[in-house]
């Protein structure tokens, strides 16, 4: 297989989405080439024409949205459900 070219124009990798009405900020995204290897490297949010070799892996983490409202004001059962479903940590 020949080499491939990769381009990405992602948003919110440097500046995460802001929460409103007391909600927390979202998590920023990331684009990582060859994660968990000696060749691992993070890419800028705008990358064009990156040459990839056979076996290279791209790991793209999408950014999370900002929260709405103060978590302390939510019902405990709803917070527990969000934790169980993996929506928040």
C-alpha atoms as a PDB file:
ATOM      1  CA  UNK A   1       0.000   0.000   0.000  1.00  0.00           C
ATOM      2  CA  UNK A   2       1.317   3.441  -0.930  1.00  0.00           C
ATOM      3  CA  UNK A   3       1.596   6.344   1.490  1.00  0.00           C
ATOM      4  CA  UNK A   4      -1.478   8.475   2.111  1.00  0.00           C
ATOM      5  CA  UNK A   5      -2.032  12.179   2.722  1.00  0.00           C
ATOM      6  CA  UNK A   6      -4.033  13.510   5.676  1.00  0.00           C
ATOM      7  CA  UNK A   7      -5.544  16.931   6.305  1.00  0.00           C
ATOM      8  CA  UNK A   8      -7.710  18.129   9.184  1.00  0.00           C
ATOM      9  CA  UNK A   9      -9.420  21.413  10.046  1.00  0.00           C
ATOM     10  CA  UNK A  10     -10.734  20.936  13.540  1.00  0.00           C
ATOM     11  CA  UNK A  11     -12.142  23.446  15.956  1.00  0.00           C
ATOM     12  CA  UNK A  12     -12.029  23.694  19.721  1.00  0.00           C
ATOM     13  CA  UNK A  13      -8.718  21.868  20.124  1.00  0.00           C
ATOM     14  CA  UNK A  14      -7.057  24.895  21.718  1.00  0.00           C
ATOM     15  CA  UNK A  15     -10.064  26.701  23.168  1.00  0.00           C
ATOM     16  CA  UNK A  16     -12.722  24.375  24.585  1.00  0.00           C
ATOM     17  CA  UNK A  17     -16.423  25.221  24.473  1.00  0.00           C
ATOM     18  CA  UNK A  18     -17.342  27.404  27.433  1.00  0.00           C
ATOM     19  CA  UNK A  19     -20.034  26.474  29.917  1.00  0.00           C
ATOM     20  CA  UNK A  20     -22.876  28.883  30.665  1.00  0.00           C
ATOM     21  CA  UNK A  21     -24.997  29.681  33.716  1.00  0.00           C
ATOM     22  CA  UNK A  22     -22.340  28.130  35.987  1.00  0.00           C
ATOM     23  CA  UNK A  23     -21.673  25.041  33.868  1.00  0.00           C
ATOM     24  CA  UNK A  24     -18.120  23.825  33.398  1.00  0.00           C
ATOM     25  CA  UNK A  25     -16.099  24.150  30.219  1.00  0.00           C
ATOM     26  CA  UNK A  26     -15.992  21.269  27.763  1.00  0.00           C
ATOM     27  CA  UNK A  27     -12.906  19.178  27.151  1.00  0.00           C
ATOM     28  CA  UNK A  28     -10.723  20.243  24.210  1.00  0.00           C
ATOM     29  CA  UNK A  29     -10.223  17.869  21.304  1.00  0.00           C
ATOM     30  CA  UNK A  30      -6.984  16.438  19.948  1.00  0.00           C
ATOM     31  CA  UNK A  31      -5.538  14.749  16.887  1.00  0.00           C
ATOM     32  CA  UNK A  32      -2.682  12.344  17.620  1.00  0.00           C
ATOM     33  CA  UNK A  33      -0.583  10.361  15.165  1.00  0.00           C
ATOM     34  CA  UNK A  34       0.584   6.940  16.359  1.00  0.00           C
ATOM     35  CA  UNK A  35      -0.674   7.211  19.956  1.00  0.00           C
ATOM     36  CA  UNK A  36       1.092   5.253  22.703  1.00  0.00           C
ATOM     37  CA  UNK A  37       4.173   4.581  20.589  1.00  0.00           C
ATOM     38  CA  UNK A  38       7.632   6.113  20.425  1.00  0.00           C
ATOM     39  CA  UNK A  39       6.456   7.910  17.258  1.00  0.00           C
ATOM     40  CA  UNK A  40       3.463   9.582  18.987  1.00  0.00           C
ATOM     41  CA  UNK A  41       2.891  13.238  18.165  1.00  0.00           C
ATOM     42  CA  UNK A  42       0.028  15.665  18.536  1.00  0.00           C
ATOM     43  CA  UNK A  43      -1.033  17.586  15.447  1.00  0.00           C
ATOM     44  CA  UNK A  44      -2.157  21.200  15.359  1.00  0.00           C
ATOM     45  CA  UNK A  45      -5.896  21.661  14.891  1.00  0.00           C
ATOM     46  CA  UNK A  46      -5.252  22.686  11.290  1.00  0.00           C
ATOM     47  CA  UNK A  47      -2.939  20.352   9.411  1.00  0.00           C
ATOM     48  CA  UNK A  48      -2.675  19.989   5.650  1.00  0.00           C
ATOM     49  CA  UNK A  49      -1.121  17.337   3.432  1.00  0.00           C
ATOM     50  CA  UNK A  50       0.538  15.274   6.181  1.00  0.00           C
ATOM     51  CA  UNK A  51       2.204  12.207   4.701  1.00  0.00           C
ATOM     52  CA  UNK A  52       1.197   8.971   6.410  1.00  0.00           C
ATOM     53  CA  UNK A  53       3.041   5.704   6.023  1.00  0.00           C
ATOM     54  CA  UNK A  54       1.638   2.183   6.079  1.00  0.00           C
ATOM     55  CA  UNK A  55       0.727   1.280   9.667  1.00  0.00           C
ATOM     56  CA  UNK A  56       0.332   4.867  10.897  1.00  0.00           C
ATOM     57  CA  UNK A  57      -2.665   5.434  13.159  1.00  0.00           C
ATOM     58  CA  UNK A  58      -4.682   8.641  13.588  1.00  0.00           C
ATOM     59  CA  UNK A  59      -6.513   9.099  16.899  1.00  0.00           C
ATOM     60  CA  UNK A  60      -9.068  11.919  16.718  1.00  0.00           C
ATOM     61  CA  UNK A  61     -10.652  13.080  19.980  1.00  0.00           C
ATOM     62  CA  UNK A  62     -13.685  15.262  19.392  1.00  0.00           C
ATOM     63  CA  UNK A  63     -14.171  18.143  21.812  1.00  0.00           C
ATOM     64  CA  UNK A  64     -16.901  18.064  24.434  1.00  0.00           C
ATOM     65  CA  UNK A  65     -19.620  20.667  24.796  1.00  0.00           C
ATOM     66  CA  UNK A  66     -19.737  23.103  27.679  1.00  0.00           C
ATOM     67  CA  UNK A  67     -22.074  22.507  30.579  1.00  0.00           C
ATOM     68  CA  UNK A  68     -25.331  24.326  31.247  1.00  0.00           C
ATOM     69  CA  UNK A  69     -26.149  25.313  34.810  1.00  0.00           C
ATOM     70  CA  UNK A  70     -24.510  24.685  38.142  1.00  0.00           C
ATOM     71  CA  UNK A  71     -24.103  20.947  38.809  1.00  0.00           C
ATOM     72  CA  UNK A  72     -24.791  21.513  42.519  1.00  0.00           C
ATOM     73  CA  UNK A  73     -28.341  22.580  41.646  1.00  0.00           C
ATOM     74  CA  UNK A  74     -29.227  19.346  39.789  1.00  0.00           C
ATOM     75  CA  UNK A  75     -31.073  16.468  41.371  1.00  0.00           C
ATOM     76  CA  UNK A  76     -28.664  13.868  42.741  1.00  0.00           C
ATOM     77  CA  UNK A  77     -30.455  11.067  40.826  1.00  0.00           C
ATOM     78  CA  UNK A  78     -29.881  12.866  37.495  1.00  0.00           C
ATOM     79  CA  UNK A  79     -26.197  13.368  38.263  1.00  0.00           C
ATOM     80  CA  UNK A  80     -25.877   9.684  39.185  1.00  0.00           C
ATOM     81  CA  UNK A  81     -27.533   8.708  35.892  1.00  0.00           C
ATOM     82  CA  UNK A  82     -25.092  10.894  33.923  1.00  0.00           C
ATOM     83  CA  UNK A  83     -22.181   9.238  35.747  1.00  0.00           C
ATOM     84  CA  UNK A  84     -23.552   5.737  35.088  1.00  0.00           C
ATOM     85  CA  UNK A  85     -24.077   6.510  31.383  1.00  0.00           C
ATOM     86  CA  UNK A  86     -20.538   7.921  31.029  1.00  0.00           C
ATOM     87  CA  UNK A  87     -21.695  11.439  30.109  1.00  0.00           C
ATOM     88  CA  UNK A  88     -19.583  12.988  32.885  1.00  0.00           C
ATOM     89  CA  UNK A  89     -16.700  11.806  35.035  1.00  0.00           C
END
